[in-house]
Amino acid sequence: MRSPIRKRLTTFFMREFPLRFPLFTPGFKEPGFWTWAYKAAPNLVFFIALQVVDNYDKFAVEIAWSEDGQYPWHGTGQIEAERPQGRARIEHLVLGGGDLCDLAPEATAAIRAASEARLRGDRVNYGFDPPIEVVLPRVEPMVRDAIQKLEEYGVPLFRRVAEARSLDWPSGIKK
């Protein structure tokens, strides 16, 4: 992700997220990957993560849980509430698959078209990124949408995970 877009995305997400999810506290951070955690019980931790894609103007928001308190790196796509760990991107919950949050869909379409052209043996021109000034206004609405989808799709899954362990859902988390 281009630097000015990344900065706006992370700044805005880190400002807005705690307003809607106050029980989650910052967890570990790796390059391009930030987490927040909520310890629901001694043997259950919920996670929310923001992942920035380095080479594209895209990002993903993930939900996860684990009984051992560690982020479930290998739990992708496993969302059965009874499992000891699970992890999914919000797009998976919303669309049953889907793609990342794409701030430059025209670049994605151009890359796809270039790939198809290359397969046909056609010559391909590169340089798909729209100007930063075009992408920046998309950041805040897309972050708001991702956080809204966390509430609509992620929190109900967290609730099912808690209920599968006979835990009450905390009043500080909506839905």
N, C-alpha and C. Protein backbone atom coordinates (compact mmCIF):
# COMPACT_ATOMS: atom_id res chain seq x y z
N MET A 1 0.86 -1.18 0.00
CA MET A 1 0.00 0.00 0.00
C MET A 1 0.89 1.23 0.00
N ARG A 2 0.48 2.19 -0.78
CA ARG A 2 1.27 3.42 -0.84
C ARG A 2 1.19 4.16 0.49
N SER A 3 2.30 4.76 0.86
CA SER A 3 2.50 5.33 2.19
C SER A 3 1.40 6.30 2.65
N PRO A 4 1.01 7.31 1.84
CA PRO A 4 -0.02 8.23 2.33
C PRO A 4 -1.37 7.54 2.57
N ILE A 5 -1.65 6.53 1.76
CA ILE A 5 -2.91 5.79 1.93
C ILE A 5 -2.83 4.94 3.19
N ARG A 6 -1.70 4.28 3.36
CA ARG A 6 -1.49 3.45 4.56
C ARG A 6 -1.62 4.29 5.83
N LYS A 7 -1.01 5.47 5.81
CA LYS A 7 -1.05 6.34 6.98
C LYS A 7 -2.48 6.76 7.30
N ARG A 8 -3.24 7.16 6.28
CA ARG A 8 -4.62 7.57 6.53
C ARG A 8 -5.46 6.39 7.03
N LEU A 9 -5.25 5.24 6.41
CA LEU A 9 -6.00 4.04 6.80
C LEU A 9 -5.73 3.67 8.26
N THR A 10 -4.48 3.55 8.62
CA THR A 10 -4.16 3.11 9.98
C THR A 10 -4.55 4.16 11.02
N THR A 11 -4.32 5.41 10.70
CA THR A 11 -4.70 6.48 11.63
C THR A 11 -6.20 6.49 11.87
N PHE A 12 -6.96 6.42 10.80
CA PHE A 12 -8.41 6.47 10.92
C PHE A 12 -8.95 5.22 11.61
N PHE A 13 -8.45 4.05 11.22
CA PHE A 13 -8.91 2.81 11.84
C PHE A 13 -8.62 2.83 13.34
N MET A 14 -7.42 3.24 13.69
CA MET A 14 -7.03 3.23 15.10
C MET A 14 -7.76 4.29 15.92
N ARG A 15 -8.32 5.27 15.26
CA ARG A 15 -9.14 6.26 15.95
C ARG A 15 -10.58 5.76 16.10
N GLU A 16 -11.13 5.16 15.05
CA GLU A 16 -12.53 4.76 15.03
C GLU A 16 -12.80 3.43 15.74
N PHE A 17 -11.91 2.47 15.57
CA PHE A 17 -12.13 1.14 16.12
C PHE A 17 -12.41 1.14 17.63
N PRO A 18 -11.58 1.80 18.45
CA PRO A 18 -11.82 1.77 19.90
C PRO A 18 -13.15 2.40 20.31
N LEU A 19 -13.67 3.31 19.50
CA LEU A 19 -14.96 3.92 19.83
C LEU A 19 -16.08 2.90 19.76
N ARG A 20 -15.98 1.95 18.86
CA ARG A 20 -17.02 0.94 18.67
C ARG A 20 -16.74 -0.36 19.42
N PHE A 21 -15.47 -0.60 19.75
CA PHE A 21 -15.07 -1.84 20.42
C PHE A 21 -14.19 -1.52 21.63
N PRO A 22 -14.75 -0.84 22.63
CA PRO A 22 -13.92 -0.36 23.74
C PRO A 22 -13.34 -1.47 24.63
N LEU A 23 -13.90 -2.67 24.63
CA LEU A 23 -13.36 -3.74 25.46
C LEU A 23 -12.10 -4.38 24.86
N PHE A 24 -11.86 -4.13 23.60
CA PHE A 24 -10.68 -4.69 22.94
C PHE A 24 -9.50 -3.76 23.18
N THR A 25 -8.38 -4.33 23.58
CA THR A 25 -7.18 -3.55 23.84
C THR A 25 -6.11 -3.90 22.80
N PRO A 26 -5.22 -2.95 22.51
CA PRO A 26 -4.17 -3.24 21.52
C PRO A 26 -3.36 -4.47 21.93
N GLY A 27 -3.11 -5.30 20.93
CA GLY A 27 -2.32 -6.50 21.15
C GLY A 27 -0.98 -6.36 20.45
N PHE A 28 -0.55 -7.43 19.86
CA PHE A 28 0.74 -7.39 19.18
C PHE A 28 0.62 -6.70 17.84
N LYS A 29 1.75 -6.25 17.36
CA LYS A 29 1.83 -5.58 16.07
C LYS A 29 3.01 -6.17 15.32
N GLU A 30 2.79 -6.47 14.07
CA GLU A 30 3.85 -6.89 13.16
C GLU A 30 3.75 -5.96 11.97
N PRO A 31 4.76 -5.91 11.12
CA PRO A 31 4.66 -5.02 9.95
C PRO A 31 3.39 -5.28 9.14
N GLY A 32 2.56 -4.27 9.06
CA GLY A 32 1.33 -4.37 8.29
C GLY A 32 0.22 -5.17 8.95
N PHE A 33 0.35 -5.51 10.24
CA PHE A 33 -0.63 -6.34 10.91
C PHE A 33 -0.77 -5.88 12.36
N TRP A 34 -1.94 -5.37 12.72
CA TRP A 34 -2.21 -4.89 14.07
C TRP A 34 -3.33 -5.73 14.65
N THR A 35 -3.24 -6.02 15.95
CA THR A 35 -4.31 -6.78 16.59
C THR A 35 -4.83 -6.06 17.82
N TRP A 36 -6.05 -6.40 18.17
CA TRP A 36 -6.68 -5.99 19.41
C TRP A 36 -7.26 -7.26 20.01
N ALA A 37 -7.28 -7.34 21.32
CA ALA A 37 -7.73 -8.56 21.97
C ALA A 37 -8.70 -8.25 23.11
N TYR A 38 -9.57 -9.20 23.36
CA TYR A 38 -10.48 -9.14 24.49
C TYR A 38 -10.49 -10.51 25.15
N LYS A 39 -10.06 -10.58 26.39
CA LYS A 39 -10.04 -11.84 27.12
C LYS A 39 -11.41 -12.04 27.76
N ALA A 40 -12.20 -12.91 27.13
CA ALA A 40 -13.56 -13.14 27.58
C ALA A 40 -13.62 -14.08 28.78
N ALA A 41 -12.63 -14.93 28.91
CA ALA A 41 -12.54 -15.90 30.00
C ALA A 41 -11.09 -16.34 30.09
N PRO A 42 -10.70 -17.00 31.17
CA PRO A 42 -9.30 -17.45 31.27
C PRO A 42 -8.85 -18.32 30.08
N ASN A 43 -9.81 -19.00 29.47
CA ASN A 43 -9.46 -19.88 28.36
C ASN A 43 -10.10 -19.45 27.03
N LEU A 44 -10.37 -18.15 26.87
CA LEU A 44 -10.93 -17.68 25.60
C LEU A 44 -10.56 -16.22 25.36
N VAL A 45 -9.88 -15.99 24.25
CA VAL A 45 -9.51 -14.64 23.84
C VAL A 45 -10.06 -14.40 22.44
N PHE A 46 -10.71 -13.26 22.28
CA PHE A 46 -11.18 -12.83 20.96
C PHE A 46 -10.18 -11.82 20.41
N PHE A 47 -9.97 -11.88 19.11
CA PHE A 47 -9.04 -10.96 18.43
C PHE A 47 -9.74 -10.28 17.26
N ILE A 48 -9.32 -9.07 17.00
CA ILE A 48 -9.66 -8.38 15.76
C ILE A 48 -8.34 -7.86 15.21
N ALA A 49 -8.15 -8.02 13.91
CA ALA A 49 -6.88 -7.63 13.30
C ALA A 49 -7.12 -6.78 12.05
N LEU A 50 -6.21 -5.88 11.84
CA LEU A 50 -6.17 -5.07 10.63
C LEU A 50 -4.90 -5.47 9.89
N GLN A 51 -5.07 -5.88 8.64
CA GLN A 51 -3.94 -6.27 7.81
C GLN A 51 -3.88 -5.38 6.58
N VAL A 52 -2.73 -4.77 6.38
CA VAL A 52 -2.52 -3.91 5.23
C VAL A 52 -1.72 -4.70 4.19
N VAL A 53 -2.15 -4.67 2.95
CA VAL A 53 -1.47 -5.40 1.89
C VAL A 53 -0.40 -4.51 1.29
N ASP A 54 0.83 -4.97 1.33
CA ASP A 54 1.96 -4.15 0.91
C ASP A 54 1.92 -3.70 -0.54
N ASN A 55 1.67 -4.57 -1.48
CA ASN A 55 1.82 -4.25 -2.90
C ASN A 55 0.58 -3.68 -3.56
N TYR A 56 -0.51 -3.61 -2.83
CA TYR A 56 -1.77 -3.12 -3.40
C TYR A 56 -2.43 -2.18 -2.40
N ASP A 57 -3.35 -1.37 -2.89
CA ASP A 57 -4.10 -0.48 -2.02
C ASP A 57 -5.32 -1.24 -1.48
N LYS A 58 -5.02 -2.26 -0.67
CA LYS A 58 -6.05 -3.13 -0.11
C LYS A 58 -5.74 -3.37 1.36
N PHE A 59 -6.79 -3.72 2.09
CA PHE A 59 -6.61 -4.11 3.48
C PHE A 59 -7.67 -5.15 3.82
N ALA A 60 -7.46 -5.82 4.93
CA ALA A 60 -8.41 -6.82 5.41
C ALA A 60 -8.61 -6.61 6.90
N VAL A 61 -9.79 -6.94 7.36
CA VAL A 61 -10.10 -6.95 8.78
C VAL A 61 -10.50 -8.38 9.11
N GLU A 62 -9.87 -8.91 10.15
CA GLU A 62 -10.10 -10.29 10.54
C GLU A 62 -10.67 -10.37 11.95
N ILE A 63 -11.40 -11.44 12.18
CA ILE A 63 -11.77 -11.80 13.54
C ILE A 63 -11.14 -13.16 13.82
N ALA A 64 -10.85 -13.40 15.08
CA ALA A 64 -10.27 -14.68 15.46
C ALA A 64 -10.54 -14.92 16.94
N TRP A 65 -10.36 -16.17 17.35
CA TRP A 65 -10.44 -16.51 18.76
C TRP A 65 -9.54 -17.70 19.01
N SER A 66 -9.17 -17.84 20.26
CA SER A 66 -8.41 -19.03 20.64
C SER A 66 -8.60 -19.30 22.13
N GLU A 67 -8.51 -20.57 22.44
CA GLU A 67 -8.61 -20.97 23.84
C GLU A 67 -7.27 -20.89 24.55
N ASP A 68 -6.18 -20.84 23.80
CA ASP A 68 -4.85 -20.79 24.43
C ASP A 68 -4.31 -19.37 24.55
N GLY A 69 -5.08 -18.38 24.08
CA GLY A 69 -4.66 -16.99 24.19
C GLY A 69 -3.71 -16.52 23.11
N GLN A 70 -3.31 -17.41 22.21
CA GLN A 70 -2.40 -17.05 21.12
C GLN A 70 -3.22 -16.78 19.85
N TYR A 71 -2.72 -15.87 19.04
CA TYR A 71 -3.41 -15.59 17.77
C TYR A 71 -3.36 -16.85 16.91
N PRO A 72 -4.49 -17.28 16.38
CA PRO A 72 -4.55 -18.53 15.62
C PRO A 72 -4.11 -18.37 14.16
N TRP A 73 -2.83 -18.30 13.95
CA TRP A 73 -2.30 -18.07 12.60
C TRP A 73 -2.77 -19.12 11.60
N HIS A 74 -2.97 -20.33 12.05
CA HIS A 74 -3.33 -21.41 11.12
C HIS A 74 -4.83 -21.70 11.11
N GLY A 75 -5.62 -20.85 11.69
CA GLY A 75 -7.05 -21.11 11.78
C GLY A 75 -7.88 -20.46 10.69
N THR A 76 -7.28 -19.96 9.63
CA THR A 76 -8.02 -19.22 8.61
C THR A 76 -9.15 -20.03 8.02
N GLY A 77 -10.32 -19.40 7.95
CA GLY A 77 -11.49 -20.01 7.34
C GLY A 77 -12.22 -20.99 8.23
N GLN A 78 -11.74 -21.19 9.43
CA GLN A 78 -12.39 -22.12 10.36
C GLN A 78 -13.24 -21.30 11.32
N ILE A 79 -14.55 -21.35 11.11
CA ILE A 79 -15.41 -20.46 11.89
C ILE A 79 -16.49 -21.21 12.67
N GLU A 80 -16.32 -22.50 12.88
CA GLU A 80 -17.28 -23.24 13.68
C GLU A 80 -17.07 -22.84 15.14
N ALA A 81 -18.12 -22.41 15.79
CA ALA A 81 -18.03 -21.83 17.14
C ALA A 81 -17.46 -22.79 18.17
N GLU A 82 -17.59 -24.08 17.97
CA GLU A 82 -17.12 -25.06 18.95
C GLU A 82 -15.62 -25.31 18.86
N ARG A 83 -14.99 -24.88 17.78
CA ARG A 83 -13.56 -25.13 17.60
C ARG A 83 -12.75 -24.38 18.66
N PRO A 84 -11.59 -24.92 19.05
CA PRO A 84 -10.77 -24.23 20.05
C PRO A 84 -10.15 -22.95 19.52
N GLN A 85 -10.08 -22.83 18.20
CA GLN A 85 -9.60 -21.59 17.60
C GLN A 85 -10.28 -21.41 16.25
N GLY A 86 -10.34 -20.17 15.82
CA GLY A 86 -10.93 -19.87 14.52
C GLY A 86 -10.45 -18.51 14.06
N ARG A 87 -10.58 -18.32 12.76
CA ARG A 87 -10.10 -17.06 12.18
C ARG A 87 -10.75 -16.88 10.82
N ALA A 88 -11.21 -15.68 10.53
CA ALA A 88 -11.80 -15.39 9.21
C ALA A 88 -11.73 -13.90 8.93
N ARG A 89 -11.60 -13.61 7.67
CA ARG A 89 -11.73 -12.22 7.24
C ARG A 89 -13.21 -11.87 7.21
N ILE A 90 -13.48 -10.63 7.50
CA ILE A 90 -14.88 -10.17 7.50
C ILE A 90 -15.53 -10.44 6.15
N GLU A 91 -14.79 -10.25 5.07
CA GLU A 91 -15.35 -10.50 3.74
C GLU A 91 -15.83 -11.93 3.59
N HIS A 92 -15.14 -12.86 4.24
CA HIS A 92 -15.56 -14.26 4.19
C HIS A 92 -16.91 -14.43 4.87
N LEU A 93 -17.09 -13.76 5.99
CA LEU A 93 -18.35 -13.86 6.71
C LEU A 93 -19.48 -13.20 5.95
N VAL A 94 -19.18 -12.07 5.29
CA VAL A 94 -20.20 -11.31 4.58
C VAL A 94 -20.54 -11.96 3.25
N LEU A 95 -19.52 -12.31 2.50
CA LEU A 95 -19.71 -12.78 1.13
C LEU A 95 -19.53 -14.28 0.95
N GLY A 96 -19.13 -14.97 2.01
CA GLY A 96 -18.85 -16.39 1.87
C GLY A 96 -17.57 -16.62 1.09
N GLY A 97 -16.72 -15.69 1.05
CA GLY A 97 -15.46 -15.76 0.31
C GLY A 97 -14.99 -14.34 0.15
N GLY A 98 -15.18 -13.83 -1.02
CA GLY A 98 -14.92 -12.42 -1.24
C GLY A 98 -13.46 -12.05 -1.31
N ASP A 99 -13.23 -10.79 -1.48
CA ASP A 99 -11.90 -10.25 -1.66
C ASP A 99 -11.61 -9.30 -0.52
N LEU A 100 -10.42 -8.77 -0.52
CA LEU A 100 -10.01 -7.79 0.47
C LEU A 100 -10.75 -6.47 0.27
N CYS A 101 -10.67 -5.61 1.26
CA CYS A 101 -11.22 -4.26 1.11
C CYS A 101 -10.32 -3.54 0.11
N ASP A 102 -10.85 -3.26 -1.03
CA ASP A 102 -10.08 -2.77 -2.16
C ASP A 102 -10.31 -1.27 -2.33
N LEU A 103 -9.30 -0.47 -2.02
CA LEU A 103 -9.39 0.98 -2.15
C LEU A 103 -9.17 1.45 -3.58
N ALA A 104 -8.69 0.58 -4.44
CA ALA A 104 -8.43 0.93 -5.84
C ALA A 104 -8.94 -0.18 -6.75
N PRO A 105 -10.27 -0.36 -6.81
CA PRO A 105 -10.81 -1.46 -7.61
C PRO A 105 -10.49 -1.36 -9.10
N GLU A 106 -10.27 -0.13 -9.57
CA GLU A 106 -9.90 0.01 -10.98
C GLU A 106 -8.52 -0.58 -11.25
N ALA A 107 -7.63 -0.51 -10.27
CA ALA A 107 -6.31 -1.14 -10.41
C ALA A 107 -6.45 -2.65 -10.42
N THR A 108 -7.30 -3.17 -9.56
CA THR A 108 -7.53 -4.62 -9.52
C THR A 108 -8.10 -5.10 -10.85
N ALA A 109 -9.06 -4.36 -11.39
CA ALA A 109 -9.64 -4.73 -12.69
C ALA A 109 -8.59 -4.66 -13.79
N ALA A 110 -7.74 -3.65 -13.76
CA ALA A 110 -6.69 -3.53 -14.79
C ALA A 110 -5.67 -4.66 -14.67
N ILE A 111 -5.34 -5.04 -13.47
CA ILE A 111 -4.41 -6.16 -13.27
C ILE A 111 -5.02 -7.45 -13.80
N ARG A 112 -6.28 -7.65 -13.50
CA ARG A 112 -6.98 -8.85 -13.99
C ARG A 112 -7.01 -8.86 -15.52
N ALA A 113 -7.32 -7.71 -16.13
CA ALA A 113 -7.35 -7.62 -17.59
C ALA A 113 -5.96 -7.85 -18.18
N ALA A 114 -4.93 -7.31 -17.53
CA ALA A 114 -3.56 -7.51 -18.02
C ALA A 114 -3.16 -8.98 -17.93
N SER A 115 -3.59 -9.65 -16.90
CA SER A 115 -3.30 -11.07 -16.76
C SER A 115 -3.95 -11.87 -17.89
N GLU A 116 -5.19 -11.54 -18.16
CA GLU A 116 -5.90 -12.22 -19.26
C GLU A 116 -5.23 -11.92 -20.59
N ALA A 117 -4.81 -10.67 -20.79
CA ALA A 117 -4.12 -10.30 -22.04
C ALA A 117 -2.80 -11.05 -22.16
N ARG A 118 -2.07 -11.15 -21.07
CA ARG A 118 -0.80 -11.87 -21.09
C ARG A 118 -1.01 -13.34 -21.46
N LEU A 119 -2.07 -13.94 -20.95
CA LEU A 119 -2.39 -15.33 -21.28
C LEU A 119 -2.71 -15.50 -22.77
N ARG A 120 -3.27 -14.46 -23.36
CA ARG A 120 -3.57 -14.50 -24.80
C ARG A 120 -2.33 -14.20 -25.63
N GLY A 121 -1.25 -13.80 -24.97
CA GLY A 121 -0.02 -13.46 -25.68
C GLY A 121 0.06 -12.00 -26.09
N ASP A 122 -0.86 -11.17 -25.62
CA ASP A 122 -0.85 -9.75 -25.94
C ASP A 122 0.20 -9.04 -25.10
N ARG A 123 0.65 -7.90 -25.60
CA ARG A 123 1.59 -7.08 -24.86
C ARG A 123 0.82 -6.33 -23.76
N VAL A 124 1.45 -6.21 -22.61
CA VAL A 124 0.77 -5.63 -21.45
C VAL A 124 1.54 -4.40 -20.97
N ASN A 125 0.80 -3.32 -20.73
CA ASN A 125 1.38 -2.13 -20.10
C ASN A 125 1.05 -2.16 -18.62
N TYR A 126 2.04 -1.77 -17.81
CA TYR A 126 1.83 -1.74 -16.38
C TYR A 126 1.65 -0.30 -15.92
N GLY A 127 1.29 -0.11 -14.68
CA GLY A 127 1.03 1.23 -14.15
C GLY A 127 -0.44 1.39 -13.88
N PHE A 128 -0.96 0.53 -13.02
CA PHE A 128 -2.39 0.45 -12.80
C PHE A 128 -2.91 1.33 -11.67
N ASP A 129 -2.04 1.81 -10.81
CA ASP A 129 -2.51 2.52 -9.63
C ASP A 129 -3.13 3.86 -9.97
N PRO A 130 -4.35 4.11 -9.48
CA PRO A 130 -4.94 5.44 -9.65
C PRO A 130 -4.17 6.43 -8.79
N PRO A 131 -4.27 7.70 -9.10
CA PRO A 131 -3.57 8.70 -8.28
C PRO A 131 -3.99 8.62 -6.81
N ILE A 132 -3.06 8.91 -5.95
CA ILE A 132 -3.32 8.87 -4.51
C ILE A 132 -4.49 9.78 -4.15
N GLU A 133 -4.58 10.94 -4.82
CA GLU A 133 -5.67 11.88 -4.53
C GLU A 133 -7.04 11.28 -4.83
N VAL A 134 -7.10 10.29 -5.71
CA VAL A 134 -8.36 9.62 -6.01
C VAL A 134 -8.69 8.59 -4.93
N VAL A 135 -7.66 7.96 -4.40
CA VAL A 135 -7.87 6.87 -3.44
C VAL A 135 -8.12 7.38 -2.02
N LEU A 136 -7.43 8.43 -1.61
CA LEU A 136 -7.54 8.91 -0.22
C LEU A 136 -8.97 9.15 0.25
N PRO A 137 -9.85 9.75 -0.56
CA PRO A 137 -11.23 9.96 -0.08
C PRO A 137 -12.02 8.66 0.13
N ARG A 138 -11.51 7.56 -0.37
CA ARG A 138 -12.20 6.27 -0.22
C ARG A 138 -11.88 5.61 1.13
N VAL A 139 -10.82 6.04 1.76
CA VAL A 139 -10.33 5.35 2.95
C VAL A 139 -11.34 5.40 4.10
N GLU A 140 -11.76 6.56 4.50
CA GLU A 140 -12.63 6.67 5.67
C GLU A 140 -13.96 5.95 5.48
N PRO A 141 -14.65 6.10 4.35
CA PRO A 141 -15.90 5.34 4.19
C PRO A 141 -15.67 3.83 4.20
N MET A 142 -14.56 3.37 3.64
CA MET A 142 -14.32 1.94 3.61
C MET A 142 -13.96 1.41 5.00
N VAL A 143 -13.24 2.20 5.79
CA VAL A 143 -12.95 1.79 7.17
C VAL A 143 -14.25 1.75 7.98
N ARG A 144 -15.08 2.76 7.83
CA ARG A 144 -16.37 2.76 8.54
C ARG A 144 -17.20 1.53 8.16
N ASP A 145 -17.20 1.20 6.88
CA ASP A 145 -17.93 0.03 6.40
C ASP A 145 -17.36 -1.25 7.01
N ALA A 146 -16.04 -1.37 7.05
CA ALA A 146 -15.41 -2.57 7.63
C ALA A 146 -15.76 -2.70 9.11
N ILE A 147 -15.74 -1.60 9.84
CA ILE A 147 -16.08 -1.65 11.26
C ILE A 147 -17.56 -1.99 11.45
N GLN A 148 -18.41 -1.46 10.58
CA GLN A 148 -19.84 -1.80 10.63
C GLN A 148 -20.03 -3.30 10.38
N LYS A 149 -19.28 -3.85 9.43
CA LYS A 149 -19.38 -5.28 9.15
C LYS A 149 -18.85 -6.11 10.31
N LEU A 150 -17.87 -5.60 11.04
CA LEU A 150 -17.44 -6.28 12.26
C LEU A 150 -18.61 -6.41 13.22
N GLU A 151 -19.35 -5.33 13.37
CA GLU A 151 -20.50 -5.36 14.28
C GLU A 151 -21.59 -6.29 13.77
N GLU A 152 -21.87 -6.25 12.48
CA GLU A 152 -22.97 -7.02 11.91
C GLU A 152 -22.67 -8.51 11.78
N TYR A 153 -21.43 -8.85 11.44
CA TYR A 153 -21.10 -10.24 11.13
C TYR A 153 -20.08 -10.86 12.09
N GLY A 154 -19.13 -10.07 12.56
CA GLY A 154 -18.11 -10.60 13.45
C GLY A 154 -18.60 -10.81 14.87
N VAL A 155 -19.29 -9.80 15.41
CA VAL A 155 -19.77 -9.89 16.79
C VAL A 155 -20.75 -11.05 16.96
N PRO A 156 -21.69 -11.28 16.05
CA PRO A 156 -22.56 -12.46 16.23
C PRO A 156 -21.77 -13.78 16.25
N LEU A 157 -20.70 -13.87 15.48
CA LEU A 157 -19.88 -15.08 15.54
C LEU A 157 -19.19 -15.17 16.89
N PHE A 158 -18.64 -14.07 17.36
CA PHE A 158 -18.04 -14.06 18.70
C PHE A 158 -19.07 -14.51 19.75
N ARG A 159 -20.29 -14.02 19.61
CA ARG A 159 -21.35 -14.39 20.57
C ARG A 159 -21.60 -15.90 20.54
N ARG A 160 -21.63 -16.47 19.32
CA ARG A 160 -21.85 -17.93 19.21
C ARG A 160 -20.69 -18.70 19.85
N VAL A 161 -19.46 -18.18 19.65
CA VAL A 161 -18.29 -18.82 20.25
C VAL A 161 -18.41 -18.78 21.78
N ALA A 162 -18.78 -17.63 22.33
CA ALA A 162 -18.94 -17.51 23.78
C ALA A 162 -20.05 -18.42 24.28
N GLU A 163 -21.19 -18.42 23.59
CA GLU A 163 -22.31 -19.25 24.01
C GLU A 163 -21.98 -20.74 23.94
N ALA A 164 -21.15 -21.14 22.97
CA ALA A 164 -20.74 -22.54 22.87
C ALA A 164 -19.94 -22.97 24.09
N ARG A 165 -19.42 -22.00 24.84
CA ARG A 165 -18.66 -22.27 26.06
C ARG A 165 -19.43 -21.87 27.30
N SER A 166 -20.72 -21.63 27.12
CA SER A 166 -21.62 -21.24 28.21
C SER A 166 -21.18 -19.95 28.89
N LEU A 167 -20.63 -19.03 28.11
CA LEU A 167 -20.22 -17.72 28.63
C LEU A 167 -21.29 -16.69 28.27
N ASP A 168 -21.49 -15.74 29.16
CA ASP A 168 -22.37 -14.63 28.87
C ASP A 168 -21.68 -13.66 27.93
N TRP A 169 -22.44 -13.04 27.08
CA TRP A 169 -21.88 -12.04 26.17
C TRP A 169 -21.74 -10.72 26.92
N PRO A 170 -20.58 -10.08 26.85
CA PRO A 170 -20.38 -8.84 27.62
C PRO A 170 -21.27 -7.71 27.10
N SER A 171 -21.79 -6.93 28.03
CA SER A 171 -22.68 -5.84 27.65
C SER A 171 -21.95 -4.71 26.93
N GLY A 172 -20.63 -4.64 27.03
CA GLY A 172 -19.87 -3.58 26.39
C GLY A 172 -19.60 -3.81 24.91
N ILE A 173 -20.05 -4.95 24.38
CA ILE A 173 -19.87 -5.23 22.96
C ILE A 173 -21.27 -5.38 22.37
N LYS A 174 -21.55 -4.60 21.34
CA LYS A 174 -22.88 -4.57 20.74
C LYS A 174 -23.25 -5.90 20.09
N LYS A 175 -24.52 -6.02 19.79
CA LYS A 175 -25.14 -7.14 19.09
C LYS A 175 -25.27 -8.31 20.01
